[in-house]
Amino acid sequence: MSGPNEMEVGDLNAVASPLHQAAQGFANLSSQAPEAPDAGPSTARVGDALVAIANSMSQLVDTVTSLADAVETSGEDYFEAENLNRLELEKIGDDLPPGGR
């Protein structure tokens, strides 16, 4: 970072990359389904609990992936805005007479 209240595009990439890695890790975990348990009469309840956990993991992957994508998009938008501002300031500078006024 450049200062306490300043942010650069690369700073957002530093946030987005671990989020994408975490989402991929969660996705890998959710694809490794355990063997169906034999818990006697409660087997159906244990199975229902595993399904609920798998569904929660899927939602978590989607949420973390969306968050990472939003951070990346913000970085791209920030870069675009900075570039447009720079071009506008250059244009204004070119229109000024020598000496600035």
PDB file of N, CA and C in Angstrom:
ATOM      1  N   MET A   1       0.841  -1.185   0.000  1.00  0.00           N
ATOM      2  CA  MET A   1       0.000   0.000   0.000  1.00  0.00           C
ATOM      3  C   MET A   1       0.882   1.242   0.000  1.00  0.00           C
ATOM      4  N   SER A   2       0.356   2.281  -0.560  1.00  0.00           N
ATOM      5  CA  SER A   2       1.105   3.521  -0.651  1.00  0.00           C
ATOM      6  C   SER A   2       1.024   4.331   0.633  1.00  0.00           C
ATOM      7  N   GLY A   3      -0.065   4.336   1.299  1.00  0.00           N
ATOM      8  CA  GLY A   3      -0.256   5.107   2.520  1.00  0.00           C
ATOM      9  C   GLY A   3      -1.422   4.539   3.298  1.00  0.00           C
ATOM     10  N   PRO A   4      -1.734   5.113   4.454  1.00  0.00           N
ATOM     11  CA  PRO A   4      -2.791   4.537   5.287  1.00  0.00           C
ATOM     12  C   PRO A   4      -4.170   4.563   4.649  1.00  0.00           C
ATOM     13  N   ASN A   5      -4.423   5.521   3.774  1.00  0.00           N
ATOM     14  CA  ASN A   5      -5.750   5.617   3.150  1.00  0.00           C
ATOM     15  C   ASN A   5      -5.700   5.416   1.646  1.00  0.00           C
ATOM     16  N   GLU A   6      -4.601   4.893   1.151  1.00  0.00           N
ATOM     17  CA  GLU A   6      -4.453   4.702  -0.287  1.00  0.00           C
ATOM     18  C   GLU A   6      -4.406   3.214  -0.607  1.00  0.00           C
ATOM     19  N   MET A   7      -4.913   2.873  -1.776  1.00  0.00           N
ATOM     20  CA  MET A   7      -4.911   1.483  -2.195  1.00  0.00           C
ATOM     21  C   MET A   7      -4.498   1.428  -3.661  1.00  0.00           C
ATOM     22  N   GLU A   8      -3.740   0.402  -3.993  1.00  0.00           N
ATOM     23  CA  GLU A   8      -3.342   0.187  -5.369  1.00  0.00           C
ATOM     24  C   GLU A   8      -3.995  -1.097  -5.867  1.00  0.00           C
ATOM     25  N   VAL A   9      -4.069  -1.240  -7.188  1.00  0.00           N
ATOM     26  CA  VAL A   9      -4.727  -2.398  -7.777  1.00  0.00           C
ATOM     27  C   VAL A   9      -4.096  -3.691  -7.277  1.00  0.00           C
ATOM     28  N   GLY A  10      -2.793  -3.734  -7.168  1.00  0.00           N
ATOM     29  CA  GLY A  10      -2.108  -4.929  -6.697  1.00  0.00           C
ATOM     30  C   GLY A  10      -2.533  -5.335  -5.304  1.00  0.00           C
ATOM     31  N   ASP A  11      -2.949  -4.383  -4.487  1.00  0.00           N
ATOM     32  CA  ASP A  11      -3.423  -4.693  -3.137  1.00  0.00           C
ATOM     33  C   ASP A  11      -4.681  -5.564  -3.198  1.00  0.00           C
ATOM     34  N   LEU A  12      -5.545  -5.306  -4.170  1.00  0.00           N
ATOM     35  CA  LEU A  12      -6.765  -6.098  -4.303  1.00  0.00           C
ATOM     36  C   LEU A  12      -6.448  -7.507  -4.789  1.00  0.00           C
ATOM     37  N   ASN A  13      -5.443  -7.649  -5.655  1.00  0.00           N
ATOM     38  CA  ASN A  13      -5.048  -8.978  -6.109  1.00  0.00           C
ATOM     39  C   ASN A  13      -4.546  -9.817  -4.944  1.00  0.00           C
ATOM     40  N   ALA A  14      -3.894  -9.171  -4.000  1.00  0.00           N
ATOM     41  CA  ALA A  14      -3.394  -9.882  -2.831  1.00  0.00           C
ATOM     42  C   ALA A  14      -4.545 -10.429  -1.989  1.00  0.00           C
ATOM     43  N   VAL A  15      -5.706  -9.803  -2.063  1.00  0.00           N
ATOM     44  CA  VAL A  15      -6.888 -10.290  -1.344  1.00  0.00           C
ATOM     45  C   VAL A  15      -7.608 -11.362  -2.166  1.00  0.00           C
ATOM     46  N   ALA A  16      -7.741 -11.148  -3.459  1.00  0.00           N
ATOM     47  CA  ALA A  16      -8.514 -12.050  -4.311  1.00  0.00           C
ATOM     48  C   ALA A  16      -7.861 -13.422  -4.451  1.00  0.00           C
ATOM     49  N   SER A  17      -6.551 -13.464  -4.557  1.00  0.00           N
ATOM     50  CA  SER A  17      -5.862 -14.735  -4.777  1.00  0.00           C
ATOM     51  C   SER A  17      -6.104 -15.739  -3.651  1.00  0.00           C
ATOM     52  N   PRO A  18      -5.918 -15.369  -2.383  1.00  0.00           N
ATOM     53  CA  PRO A  18      -6.201 -16.351  -1.323  1.00  0.00           C
ATOM     54  C   PRO A  18      -7.674 -16.762  -1.262  1.00  0.00           C
ATOM     55  N   LEU A  19      -8.572 -15.854  -1.641  1.00  0.00           N
ATOM     56  CA  LEU A  19      -9.995 -16.212  -1.639  1.00  0.00           C
ATOM     57  C   LEU A  19     -10.288 -17.269  -2.694  1.00  0.00           C
ATOM     58  N   HIS A  20      -9.681 -17.112  -3.879  1.00  0.00           N
ATOM     59  CA  HIS A  20      -9.856 -18.125  -4.925  1.00  0.00           C
ATOM     60  C   HIS A  20      -9.253 -19.455  -4.477  1.00  0.00           C
ATOM     61  N   GLN A  21      -8.093 -19.415  -3.844  1.00  0.00           N
ATOM     62  CA  GLN A  21      -7.461 -20.646  -3.365  1.00  0.00           C
ATOM     63  C   GLN A  21      -8.323 -21.315  -2.300  1.00  0.00           C
ATOM     64  N   ALA A  22      -8.891 -20.523  -1.396  1.00  0.00           N
ATOM     65  CA  ALA A  22      -9.759 -21.080  -0.355  1.00  0.00           C
ATOM     66  C   ALA A  22     -10.997 -21.721  -0.976  1.00  0.00           C
ATOM     67  N   ALA A  23     -11.583 -21.049  -1.952  1.00  0.00           N
ATOM     68  CA  ALA A  23     -12.773 -21.604  -2.610  1.00  0.00           C
ATOM     69  C   ALA A  23     -12.437 -22.925  -3.285  1.00  0.00           C
ATOM     70  N   GLN A  24     -11.276 -22.985  -3.931  1.00  0.00           N
ATOM     71  CA  GLN A  24     -10.869 -24.229  -4.583  1.00  0.00           C
ATOM     72  C   GLN A  24     -10.649 -25.334  -3.553  1.00  0.00           C
ATOM     73  N   GLY A  25     -10.052 -24.968  -2.420  1.00  0.00           N
ATOM     74  CA  GLY A  25      -9.852 -25.942  -1.355  1.00  0.00           C
ATOM     75  C   GLY A  25     -11.163 -26.485  -0.828  1.00  0.00           C
ATOM     76  N   PHE A  26     -12.144 -25.603  -0.628  1.00  0.00           N
ATOM     77  CA  PHE A  26     -13.461 -26.047  -0.177  1.00  0.00           C
ATOM     78  C   PHE A  26     -14.117 -26.940  -1.231  1.00  0.00           C
ATOM     79  N   ALA A  27     -13.963 -26.563  -2.500  1.00  0.00           N
ATOM     80  CA  ALA A  27     -14.548 -27.368  -3.570  1.00  0.00           C
ATOM     81  C   ALA A  27     -13.921 -28.767  -3.578  1.00  0.00           C
ATOM     82  N   ASN A  28     -12.618 -28.848  -3.384  1.00  0.00           N
ATOM     83  CA  ASN A  28     -11.948 -30.149  -3.349  1.00  0.00           C
ATOM     84  C   ASN A  28     -12.444 -30.987  -2.165  1.00  0.00           C
ATOM     85  N   LEU A  29     -12.616 -30.352  -1.014  1.00  0.00           N
ATOM     86  CA  LEU A  29     -13.099 -31.079   0.165  1.00  0.00           C
ATOM     87  C   LEU A  29     -14.510 -31.611  -0.057  1.00  0.00           C
ATOM     88  N   SER A  30     -15.352 -30.789  -0.672  1.00  0.00           N
ATOM     89  CA  SER A  30     -16.746 -31.193  -0.832  1.00  0.00           C
ATOM     90  C   SER A  30     -16.900 -32.327  -1.841  1.00  0.00           C
ATOM     91  N   SER A  31     -15.914 -32.534  -2.706  1.00  0.00           N
ATOM     92  CA  SER A  31     -16.004 -33.614  -3.686  1.00  0.00           C
ATOM     93  C   SER A  31     -15.512 -34.943  -3.116  1.00  0.00           C
ATOM     94  N   GLN A  32     -14.942 -34.909  -1.925  1.00  0.00           N
ATOM     95  CA  GLN A  32     -14.437 -36.125  -1.289  1.00  0.00           C
ATOM     96  C   GLN A  32     -15.476 -36.638  -0.289  1.00  0.00           C
ATOM     97  N   ALA A  33     -16.548 -37.175  -0.810  1.00  0.00           N
ATOM     98  CA  ALA A  33     -17.648 -37.628   0.047  1.00  0.00           C
ATOM     99  C   ALA A  33     -17.224 -38.857   0.846  1.00  0.00           C
ATOM    100  N   PRO A  34     -17.587 -38.901   2.110  1.00  0.00           N
ATOM    101  CA  PRO A  34     -17.255 -40.069   2.933  1.00  0.00           C
ATOM    102  C   PRO A  34     -18.142 -41.260   2.581  1.00  0.00           C
ATOM    103  N   GLU A  35     -17.722 -42.418   3.033  1.00  0.00           N
ATOM    104  CA  GLU A  35     -18.541 -43.619   2.857  1.00  0.00           C
ATOM    105  C   GLU A  35     -19.830 -43.452   3.665  1.00  0.00           C
ATOM    106  N   ALA A  36     -20.889 -44.051   3.179  1.00  0.00           N
ATOM    107  CA  ALA A  36     -22.160 -43.983   3.896  1.00  0.00           C
ATOM    108  C   ALA A  36     -22.013 -44.711   5.233  1.00  0.00           C
ATOM    109  N   PRO A  37     -22.391 -44.065   6.312  1.00  0.00           N
ATOM    110  CA  PRO A  37     -22.245 -44.697   7.624  1.00  0.00           C
ATOM    111  C   PRO A  37     -23.315 -45.762   7.875  1.00  0.00           C
ATOM    112  N   ASP A  38     -22.982 -46.710   8.678  1.00  0.00           N
ATOM    113  CA  ASP A  38     -23.976 -47.690   9.133  1.00  0.00           C
ATOM    114  C   ASP A  38     -24.181 -47.433  10.617  1.00  0.00           C
ATOM    115  N   ALA A  39     -25.129 -46.593  10.924  1.00  0.00           N
ATOM    116  CA  ALA A  39     -25.395 -46.213  12.306  1.00  0.00           C
ATOM    117  C   ALA A  39     -26.687 -46.833  12.804  1.00  0.00           C
ATOM    118  N   GLY A  40     -27.035 -47.966  12.217  1.00  0.00           N
ATOM    119  CA  GLY A  40     -28.263 -48.647  12.636  1.00  0.00           C
ATOM    120  C   GLY A  40     -29.490 -47.827  12.288  1.00  0.00           C
ATOM    121  N   PRO A  41     -30.429 -47.737  13.215  1.00  0.00           N
ATOM    122  CA  PRO A  41     -31.679 -47.022  12.943  1.00  0.00           C
ATOM    123  C   PRO A  41     -31.486 -45.525  12.651  1.00  0.00           C
ATOM    124  N   SER A  42     -30.366 -44.951  13.125  1.00  0.00           N
ATOM    125  CA  SER A  42     -30.167 -43.512  12.903  1.00  0.00           C
ATOM    126  C   SER A  42     -29.395 -43.216  11.617  1.00  0.00           C
ATOM    127  N   THR A  43     -29.153 -44.235  10.797  1.00  0.00           N
ATOM    128  CA  THR A  43     -28.390 -44.041   9.566  1.00  0.00           C
ATOM    129  C   THR A  43     -28.989 -42.940   8.691  1.00  0.00           C
ATOM    130  N   ALA A  44     -30.294 -42.907   8.558  1.00  0.00           N
ATOM    131  CA  ALA A  44     -30.940 -41.888   7.709  1.00  0.00           C
ATOM    132  C   ALA A  44     -30.661 -40.491   8.252  1.00  0.00           C
ATOM    133  N   ARG A  45     -30.697 -40.326   9.568  1.00  0.00           N
ATOM    134  CA  ARG A  45     -30.441 -39.002  10.168  1.00  0.00           C
ATOM    135  C   ARG A  45     -28.985 -38.587   9.968  1.00  0.00           C
ATOM    136  N   VAL A  46     -28.096 -39.549  10.122  1.00  0.00           N
ATOM    137  CA  VAL A  46     -26.677 -39.241   9.891  1.00  0.00           C
ATOM    138  C   VAL A  46     -26.473 -38.875   8.418  1.00  0.00           C
ATOM    139  N   GLY A  47     -27.118 -39.597   7.527  1.00  0.00           N
ATOM    140  CA  GLY A  47     -27.038 -39.280   6.097  1.00  0.00           C
ATOM    141  C   GLY A  47     -27.585 -37.892   5.797  1.00  0.00           C
ATOM    142  N   ASP A  48     -28.701 -37.549   6.422  1.00  0.00           N
ATOM    143  CA  ASP A  48     -29.279 -36.211   6.248  1.00  0.00           C
ATOM    144  C   ASP A  48     -28.314 -35.127   6.738  1.00  0.00           C
ATOM    145  N   ALA A  49     -27.641 -35.411   7.855  1.00  0.00           N
ATOM    146  CA  ALA A  49     -26.674 -34.442   8.390  1.00  0.00           C
ATOM    147  C   ALA A  49     -25.508 -34.266   7.419  1.00  0.00           C
ATOM    148  N   LEU A  50     -25.043 -35.362   6.826  1.00  0.00           N
ATOM    149  CA  LEU A  50     -23.939 -35.258   5.852  1.00  0.00           C
ATOM    150  C   LEU A  50     -24.374 -34.478   4.610  1.00  0.00           C
ATOM    151  N   VAL A  51     -25.598 -34.673   4.177  1.00  0.00           N
ATOM    152  CA  VAL A  51     -26.121 -33.921   3.031  1.00  0.00           C
ATOM    153  C   VAL A  51     -26.180 -32.433   3.375  1.00  0.00           C
ATOM    154  N   ALA A  52     -26.635 -32.117   4.584  1.00  0.00           N
ATOM    155  CA  ALA A  52     -26.702 -30.709   5.004  1.00  0.00           C
ATOM    156  C   ALA A  52     -25.304 -30.094   5.041  1.00  0.00           C
ATOM    157  N   ILE A  53     -24.326 -30.846   5.535  1.00  0.00           N
ATOM    158  CA  ILE A  53     -22.942 -30.346   5.566  1.00  0.00           C
ATOM    159  C   ILE A  53     -22.428 -30.127   4.144  1.00  0.00           C
ATOM    160  N   ALA A  54     -22.692 -31.073   3.255  1.00  0.00           N
ATOM    161  CA  ALA A  54     -22.246 -30.931   1.857  1.00  0.00           C
ATOM    162  C   ALA A  54     -22.889 -29.718   1.195  1.00  0.00           C
ATOM    163  N   ASN A  55     -24.177 -29.500   1.466  1.00  0.00           N
ATOM    164  CA  ASN A  55     -24.868 -28.328   0.902  1.00  0.00           C
ATOM    165  C   ASN A  55     -24.275 -27.031   1.446  1.00  0.00           C
ATOM    166  N   SER A  56     -23.960 -27.025   2.733  1.00  0.00           N
ATOM    167  CA  SER A  56     -23.350 -25.834   3.330  1.00  0.00           C
ATOM    168  C   SER A  56     -21.983 -25.557   2.721  1.00  0.00           C
ATOM    169  N   MET A  57     -21.205 -26.605   2.500  1.00  0.00           N
ATOM    170  CA  MET A  57     -19.879 -26.436   1.878  1.00  0.00           C
ATOM    171  C   MET A  57     -20.030 -25.867   0.467  1.00  0.00           C
ATOM    172  N   SER A  58     -21.030 -26.350  -0.253  1.00  0.00           N
ATOM    173  CA  SER A  58     -21.262 -25.847  -1.607  1.00  0.00           C
ATOM    174  C   SER A  58     -21.609 -24.366  -1.589  1.00  0.00           C
ATOM    175  N   GLN A  59     -22.465 -23.966  -0.660  1.00  0.00           N
ATOM    176  CA  GLN A  59     -22.826 -22.550  -0.539  1.00  0.00           C
ATOM    177  C   GLN A  59     -21.622 -21.714  -0.132  1.00  0.00           C
ATOM    178  N   LEU A  60     -20.781 -22.267   0.734  1.00  0.00           N
ATOM    179  CA  LEU A  60     -19.582 -21.552   1.158  1.00  0.00           C
ATOM    180  C   LEU A  60     -18.636 -21.342  -0.021  1.00  0.00           C
ATOM    181  N   VAL A  61     -18.454 -22.366  -0.838  1.00  0.00           N
ATOM    182  CA  VAL A  61     -17.606 -22.244  -2.033  1.00  0.00           C
ATOM    183  C   VAL A  61     -18.153 -21.153  -2.945  1.00  0.00           C
ATOM    184  N   ASP A  62     -19.460 -21.170  -3.179  1.00  0.00           N
ATOM    185  CA  ASP A  62     -20.068 -20.156  -4.049  1.00  0.00           C
ATOM    186  C   ASP A  62     -19.870 -18.752  -3.485  1.00  0.00           C
ATOM    187  N   THR A  63     -20.045 -18.600  -2.177  1.00  0.00           N
ATOM    188  CA  THR A  63     -19.909 -17.286  -1.544  1.00  0.00           C
ATOM    189  C   THR A  63     -18.480 -16.779  -1.615  1.00  0.00           C
ATOM    190  N   VAL A  64     -17.519 -17.639  -1.281  1.00  0.00           N
ATOM    191  CA  VAL A  64     -16.114 -17.220  -1.309  1.00  0.00           C
ATOM    192  C   VAL A  64     -15.674 -16.923  -2.742  1.00  0.00           C
ATOM    193  N   THR A  65     -16.124 -17.717  -3.695  1.00  0.00           N
ATOM    194  CA  THR A  65     -15.786 -17.459  -5.104  1.00  0.00           C
ATOM    195  C   THR A  65     -16.379 -16.128  -5.559  1.00  0.00           C
ATOM    196  N   SER A  66     -17.621 -15.861  -5.190  1.00  0.00           N
ATOM    197  CA  SER A  66     -18.249 -14.580  -5.549  1.00  0.00           C
ATOM    198  C   SER A  66     -17.504 -13.410  -4.923  1.00  0.00           C
ATOM    199  N   LEU A  67     -17.081 -13.587  -3.688  1.00  0.00           N
ATOM    200  CA  LEU A  67     -16.322 -12.538  -3.011  1.00  0.00           C
ATOM    201  C   LEU A  67     -14.995 -12.277  -3.724  1.00  0.00           C
ATOM    202  N   ALA A  68     -14.299 -13.328  -4.087  1.00  0.00           N
ATOM    203  CA  ALA A  68     -13.031 -13.169  -4.808  1.00  0.00           C
ATOM    204  C   ALA A  68     -13.250 -12.481  -6.156  1.00  0.00           C
ATOM    205  N   ASP A  69     -14.307 -12.892  -6.858  1.00  0.00           N
ATOM    206  CA  ASP A  69     -14.615 -12.259  -8.149  1.00  0.00           C
ATOM    207  C   ASP A  69     -14.943 -10.775  -7.967  1.00  0.00           C
ATOM    208  N   ALA A  70     -15.671 -10.444  -6.908  1.00  0.00           N
ATOM    209  CA  ALA A  70     -16.021  -9.042  -6.650  1.00  0.00           C
ATOM    210  C   ALA A  70     -14.774  -8.218  -6.359  1.00  0.00           C
ATOM    211  N   VAL A  71     -13.833  -8.802  -5.632  1.00  0.00           N
ATOM    212  CA  VAL A  71     -12.590  -8.090  -5.332  1.00  0.00           C
ATOM    213  C   VAL A  71     -11.802  -7.855  -6.621  1.00  0.00           C
ATOM    214  N   GLU A  72     -11.725  -8.875  -7.463  1.00  0.00           N
ATOM    215  CA  GLU A  72     -11.021  -8.711  -8.740  1.00  0.00           C
ATOM    216  C   GLU A  72     -11.691  -7.654  -9.615  1.00  0.00           C
ATOM    217  N   THR A  73     -13.015  -7.693  -9.680  1.00  0.00           N
ATOM    218  CA  THR A  73     -13.747  -6.704 -10.477  1.00  0.00           C
ATOM    219  C   THR A  73     -13.513  -5.300  -9.935  1.00  0.00           C
ATOM    220  N   SER A  74     -13.503  -5.168  -8.619  1.00  0.00           N
ATOM    221  CA  SER A  74     -13.228  -3.863  -8.014  1.00  0.00           C
ATOM    222  C   SER A  74     -11.853  -3.364  -8.409  1.00  0.00           C
ATOM    223  N   GLY A  75     -10.883  -4.259  -8.423  1.00  0.00           N
ATOM    224  CA  GLY A  75      -9.535  -3.881  -8.836  1.00  0.00           C
ATOM    225  C   GLY A  75      -9.491  -3.408 -10.275  1.00  0.00           C
ATOM    226  N   GLU A  76     -10.199  -4.120 -11.140  1.00  0.00           N
ATOM    227  CA  GLU A  76     -10.244  -3.722 -12.548  1.00  0.00           C
ATOM    228  C   GLU A  76     -10.938  -2.370 -12.706  1.00  0.00           C
ATOM    229  N   ASP A  77     -12.045  -2.180 -11.990  1.00  0.00           N
ATOM    230  CA  ASP A  77     -12.772  -0.900 -12.051  1.00  0.00           C
ATOM    231  C   ASP A  77     -11.905   0.249 -11.528  1.00  0.00           C
ATOM    232  N   TYR A  78     -11.188  -0.018 -10.451  1.00  0.00           N
ATOM    233  CA  TYR A  78     -10.297   0.990  -9.875  1.00  0.00           C
ATOM    234  C   TYR A  78      -9.217   1.382 -10.882  1.00  0.00           C
ATOM    235  N   PHE A  79      -8.607   0.389 -11.511  1.00  0.00           N
ATOM    236  CA  PHE A  79      -7.559   0.649 -12.493  1.00  0.00           C
ATOM    237  C   PHE A  79      -8.116   1.463 -13.659  1.00  0.00           C
ATOM    238  N   GLU A  80      -9.306   1.092 -14.132  1.00  0.00           N
ATOM    239  CA  GLU A  80      -9.924   1.806 -15.255  1.00  0.00           C
ATOM    240  C   GLU A  80     -10.221   3.265 -14.879  1.00  0.00           C
ATOM    241  N   ALA A  81     -10.758   3.480 -13.685  1.00  0.00           N
ATOM    242  CA  ALA A  81     -11.071   4.836 -13.234  1.00  0.00           C
ATOM    243  C   ALA A  81      -9.791   5.670 -13.103  1.00  0.00           C
ATOM    244  N   GLU A  82      -8.755   5.073 -12.540  1.00  0.00           N
ATOM    245  CA  GLU A  82      -7.482   5.787 -12.408  1.00  0.00           C
ATOM    246  C   GLU A  82      -6.911   6.152 -13.768  1.00  0.00           C
ATOM    247  N   ASN A  83      -7.011   5.246 -14.711  1.00  0.00           N
ATOM    248  CA  ASN A  83      -6.497   5.503 -16.057  1.00  0.00           C
ATOM    249  C   ASN A  83      -7.285   6.624 -16.729  1.00  0.00           C
ATOM    250  N   LEU A  84      -8.620   6.586 -16.606  1.00  0.00           N
ATOM    251  CA  LEU A  84      -9.445   7.643 -17.205  1.00  0.00           C
ATOM    252  C   LEU A  84      -9.150   8.997 -16.557  1.00  0.00           C
ATOM    253  N   ASN A  85      -8.988   9.015 -15.245  1.00  0.00           N
ATOM    254  CA  ASN A  85      -8.655  10.262 -14.547  1.00  0.00           C
ATOM    255  C   ASN A  85      -7.304  10.806 -15.009  1.00  0.00           C
ATOM    256  N   ARG A  86      -6.336   9.915 -15.160  1.00  0.00           N
ATOM    257  CA  ARG A  86      -5.016  10.338 -15.621  1.00  0.00           C
ATOM    258  C   ARG A  86      -5.107  10.961 -17.011  1.00  0.00           C
ATOM    259  N   LEU A  87      -5.874  10.325 -17.896  1.00  0.00           N
ATOM    260  CA  LEU A  87      -6.029  10.852 -19.256  1.00  0.00           C
ATOM    261  C   LEU A  87      -6.712  12.218 -19.243  1.00  0.00           C
ATOM    262  N   GLU A  88      -7.737  12.381 -18.395  1.00  0.00           N
ATOM    263  CA  GLU A  88      -8.433  13.668 -18.291  1.00  0.00           C
ATOM    264  C   GLU A  88      -7.500  14.758 -17.778  1.00  0.00           C
ATOM    265  N   LEU A  89      -6.718  14.424 -16.770  1.00  0.00           N
ATOM    266  CA  LEU A  89      -5.785  15.414 -16.226  1.00  0.00           C
ATOM    267  C   LEU A  89      -4.718  15.792 -17.252  1.00  0.00           C
ATOM    268  N   GLU A  90      -4.273  14.816 -18.015  1.00  0.00           N
ATOM    269  CA  GLU A  90      -3.304  15.129 -19.071  1.00  0.00           C
ATOM    270  C   GLU A  90      -3.923  16.048 -20.114  1.00  0.00           C
ATOM    271  N   LYS A  91      -5.186  15.786 -20.474  1.00  0.00           N
ATOM    272  CA  LYS A  91      -5.885  16.607 -21.455  1.00  0.00           C
ATOM    273  C   LYS A  91      -6.039  18.036 -20.939  1.00  0.00           C
ATOM    274  N   ILE A  92      -6.423  18.176 -19.670  1.00  0.00           N
ATOM    275  CA  ILE A  92      -6.564  19.511 -19.078  1.00  0.00           C
ATOM    276  C   ILE A  92      -5.218  20.224 -19.076  1.00  0.00           C
ATOM    277  N   GLY A  93      -4.183  19.486 -18.731  1.00  0.00           N
ATOM    278  CA  GLY A  93      -2.838  20.076 -18.722  1.00  0.00           C
ATOM    279  C   GLY A  93      -2.416  20.541 -20.102  1.00  0.00           C
ATOM    280  N   ASP A  94      -2.784  19.788 -21.127  1.00  0.00           N
ATOM    281  CA  ASP A  94      -2.430  20.170 -22.500  1.00  0.00           C
ATOM    282  C   ASP A  94      -3.176  21.429 -22.941  1.00  0.00           C
ATOM    283  N   ASP A  95      -4.392  21.646 -22.392  1.00  0.00           N
ATOM    284  CA  ASP A  95      -5.197  22.806 -22.771  1.00  0.00           C
ATOM    285  C   ASP A  95      -4.771  24.088 -22.068  1.00  0.00           C
ATOM    286  N   LEU A  96      -3.985  23.969 -20.989  1.00  0.00           N
ATOM    287  CA  LEU A  96      -3.567  25.168 -20.255  1.00  0.00           C
ATOM    288  C   LEU A  96      -2.485  25.928 -21.041  1.00  0.00           C
ATOM    289  N   PRO A  97      -2.540  27.243 -20.967  1.00  0.00           N
ATOM    290  CA  PRO A  97      -1.482  28.023 -21.627  1.00  0.00           C
ATOM    291  C   PRO A  97      -0.177  27.851 -20.824  1.00  0.00           C
ATOM    292  N   PRO A  98       0.951  28.171 -21.421  1.00  0.00           N
ATOM    293  CA  PRO A  98       2.214  28.065 -20.703  1.00  0.00           C
ATOM    294  C   PRO A  98       2.149  28.910 -19.419  1.00  0.00           C
ATOM    295  N   GLY A  99       2.672  28.402 -18.362  1.00  0.00           N
ATOM    296  CA  GLY A  99       2.625  29.090 -17.080  1.00  0.00           C
ATOM    297  C   GLY A  99       1.428  28.653 -16.240  1.00  0.00           C
ATOM    298  N   GLY A 100       0.498  27.869 -16.766  1.00  0.00           N
ATOM    299  CA  GLY A 100      -0.576  27.293 -15.995  1.00  0.00           C
ATOM    300  C   GLY A 100      -1.878  28.049 -15.949  1.00  0.00           C
ATOM    301  N   ARG A 101      -1.928  29.340 -16.276  1.00  0.00           N
ATOM    302  CA  ARG A 101      -3.216  30.067 -16.228  1.00  0.00           C
ATOM    303  C   ARG A 101      -3.376  30.974 -17.386  1.00  0.00           C
TER     304      ARG A 101
END
